[in-house]
């Protein structure tokens, strides 16, 4: 494989592998960026939901305690059996 044809085919294989690795690296980066974007979106939605729940609890503390008590009681009744 030291002749011109052998060297050319080895170089061609190297280039194909290099291209495949570069393509895979680009796809991995794309997936990584999409995952980060999804994580950021989920975190912001979660924080907004927590802020809404906190505001509702502060506006209606007695209702919040009643709902929590009722949910706890129902949970206990369901899981006790």
C-alpha atoms as a PDB file:
ATOM      1  CA  UNK A   1       0.000   0.000   0.000  1.00  0.00           C
ATOM      2  CA  UNK A   2       2.975   2.275  -0.329  1.00  0.00           C
ATOM      3  CA  UNK A   3       2.330   2.879  -4.011  1.00  0.00           C
ATOM      4  CA  UNK A   4       0.364   5.843  -5.275  1.00  0.00           C
ATOM      5  CA  UNK A   5      -2.946   3.967  -5.410  1.00  0.00           C
ATOM      6  CA  UNK A   6      -2.568   2.528  -1.916  1.00  0.00           C
ATOM      7  CA  UNK A   7      -1.660   5.868  -0.401  1.00  0.00           C
ATOM      8  CA  UNK A   8      -4.548   7.556  -2.150  1.00  0.00           C
ATOM      9  CA  UNK A   9      -7.060   5.015  -0.870  1.00  0.00           C
ATOM     10  CA  UNK A  10      -5.725   5.311   2.689  1.00  0.00           C
ATOM     11  CA  UNK A  11      -5.906   9.097   2.455  1.00  0.00           C
ATOM     12  CA  UNK A  12      -9.434   8.809   1.097  1.00  0.00           C
ATOM     13  CA  UNK A  13     -10.463   6.607   3.997  1.00  0.00           C
ATOM     14  CA  UNK A  14      -8.880   9.052   6.441  1.00  0.00           C
ATOM     15  CA  UNK A  15     -10.820  11.928   4.881  1.00  0.00           C
ATOM     16  CA  UNK A  16     -14.088   9.984   5.021  1.00  0.00           C
ATOM     17  CA  UNK A  17     -13.526   9.132   8.665  1.00  0.00           C
ATOM     18  CA  UNK A  18     -12.574  12.737   9.433  1.00  0.00           C
ATOM     19  CA  UNK A  19     -15.746  13.931   7.691  1.00  0.00           C
ATOM     20  CA  UNK A  20     -17.840  11.407   9.608  1.00  0.00           C
ATOM     21  CA  UNK A  21     -16.316  12.488  12.923  1.00  0.00           C
ATOM     22  CA  UNK A  22     -16.840  16.165  12.105  1.00  0.00           C
ATOM     23  CA  UNK A  23     -20.451  15.498  11.151  1.00  0.00           C
ATOM     24  CA  UNK A  24     -21.058  13.545  14.349  1.00  0.00           C
ATOM     25  CA  UNK A  25     -19.447  16.321  16.399  1.00  0.00           C
ATOM     26  CA  UNK A  26     -21.721  18.929  14.788  1.00  0.00           C
ATOM     27  CA  UNK A  27     -24.804  16.816  15.461  1.00  0.00           C
ATOM     28  CA  UNK A  28     -23.739  16.272  19.073  1.00  0.00           C
ATOM     29  CA  UNK A  29     -23.275  20.028  19.541  1.00  0.00           C
ATOM     30  CA  UNK A  30     -26.699  20.666  18.017  1.00  0.00           C
ATOM     31  CA  UNK A  31     -28.328  18.138  20.343  1.00  0.00           C
ATOM     32  CA  UNK A  32     -26.469  19.613  23.305  1.00  0.00           C
ATOM     33  CA  UNK A  33     -27.702  23.131  22.501  1.00  0.00           C
ATOM     34  CA  UNK A  34     -31.281  21.914  22.028  1.00  0.00           C
ATOM     35  CA  UNK A  35     -31.146  20.087  25.371  1.00  0.00           C
ATOM     36  CA  UNK A  36     -29.859  23.221  27.097  1.00  0.00           C
ATOM     37  CA  UNK A  37     -32.647  25.284  25.520  1.00  0.00           C
ATOM     38  CA  UNK A  38     -35.285  22.778  26.642  1.00  0.00           C
ATOM     39  CA  UNK A  39     -33.821  22.710  30.166  1.00  0.00           C
ATOM     40  CA  UNK A  40     -33.892  26.511  30.359  1.00  0.00           C
ATOM     41  CA  UNK A  41     -37.495  26.578  29.125  1.00  0.00           C
ATOM     42  CA  UNK A  42     -38.583  23.974  31.680  1.00  0.00           C
ATOM     43  CA  UNK A  43     -36.794  25.823  34.471  1.00  0.00           C
ATOM     44  CA  UNK A  44     -38.459  29.135  33.585  1.00  0.00           C
ATOM     45  CA  UNK A  45     -41.898  27.498  33.376  1.00  0.00           C
ATOM     46  CA  UNK A  46     -41.319  25.768  36.713  1.00  0.00           C
ATOM     47  CA  UNK A  47     -40.255  29.008  38.353  1.00  0.00           C
ATOM     48  CA  UNK A  48     -43.317  30.794  36.951  1.00  0.00           C
ATOM     49  CA  UNK A  49     -45.579  28.044  38.295  1.00  0.00           C
ATOM     50  CA  UNK A  50     -43.968  28.253  41.745  1.00  0.00           C
ATOM     51  CA  UNK A  51     -44.378  32.038  41.760  1.00  0.00           C
ATOM     52  CA  UNK A  52     -48.067  31.702  40.813  1.00  0.00           C
ATOM     53  CA  UNK A  53     -48.654  29.097  43.522  1.00  0.00           C
ATOM     54  CA  UNK A  54     -46.887  31.257  46.092  1.00  0.00           C
ATOM     55  CA  UNK A  55     -48.997  34.276  45.150  1.00  0.00           C
ATOM     56  CA  UNK A  56     -52.199  32.216  45.374  1.00  0.00           C
ATOM     57  CA  UNK A  57     -51.235  30.849  48.791  1.00  0.00           C
ATOM     58  CA  UNK A  58     -50.420  34.338  50.069  1.00  0.00           C
ATOM     59  CA  UNK A  59     -53.732  35.672  48.720  1.00  0.00           C
ATOM     60  CA  UNK A  60     -55.813  32.789  50.180  1.00  0.00           C
ATOM     61  CA  UNK A  61     -53.980  31.229  53.133  1.00  0.00           C
ATOM     62  CA  UNK A  62     -57.037  29.563  54.682  1.00  0.00           C
ATOM     63  CA  UNK A  63     -58.057  27.964  51.382  1.00  0.00           C
ATOM     64  CA  UNK A  64     -54.481  26.750  50.917  1.00  0.00           C
ATOM     65  CA  UNK A  65     -54.436  25.124  54.355  1.00  0.00           C
ATOM     66  CA  UNK A  66     -57.858  23.548  53.727  1.00  0.00           C
ATOM     67  CA  UNK A  67     -56.799  22.172  50.348  1.00  0.00           C
ATOM     68  CA  UNK A  68     -53.562  20.804  51.797  1.00  0.00           C
ATOM     69  CA  UNK A  69     -55.441  19.166  54.663  1.00  0.00           C
ATOM     70  CA  UNK A  70     -58.021  17.667  52.291  1.00  0.00           C
ATOM     71  CA  UNK A  71     -55.362  16.331  49.918  1.00  0.00           C
ATOM     72  CA  UNK A  72     -53.434  14.823  52.813  1.00  0.00           C
ATOM     73  CA  UNK A  73     -56.558  13.194  54.220  1.00  0.00           C
ATOM     74  CA  UNK A  74     -57.537  11.724  50.849  1.00  0.00           C
ATOM     75  CA  UNK A  75     -54.003  10.508  50.259  1.00  0.00           C
ATOM     76  CA  UNK A  76     -53.946   8.844  53.658  1.00  0.00           C
ATOM     77  CA  UNK A  77     -57.295   7.151  53.031  1.00  0.00           C
ATOM     78  CA  UNK A  78     -56.214   5.886  49.612  1.00  0.00           C
ATOM     79  CA  UNK A  79     -52.818   4.544  50.655  1.00  0.00           C
ATOM     80  CA  UNK A  80     -53.905   3.173  53.998  1.00  0.00           C
ATOM     81  CA  UNK A  81     -55.979   0.405  52.451  1.00  0.00           C
END
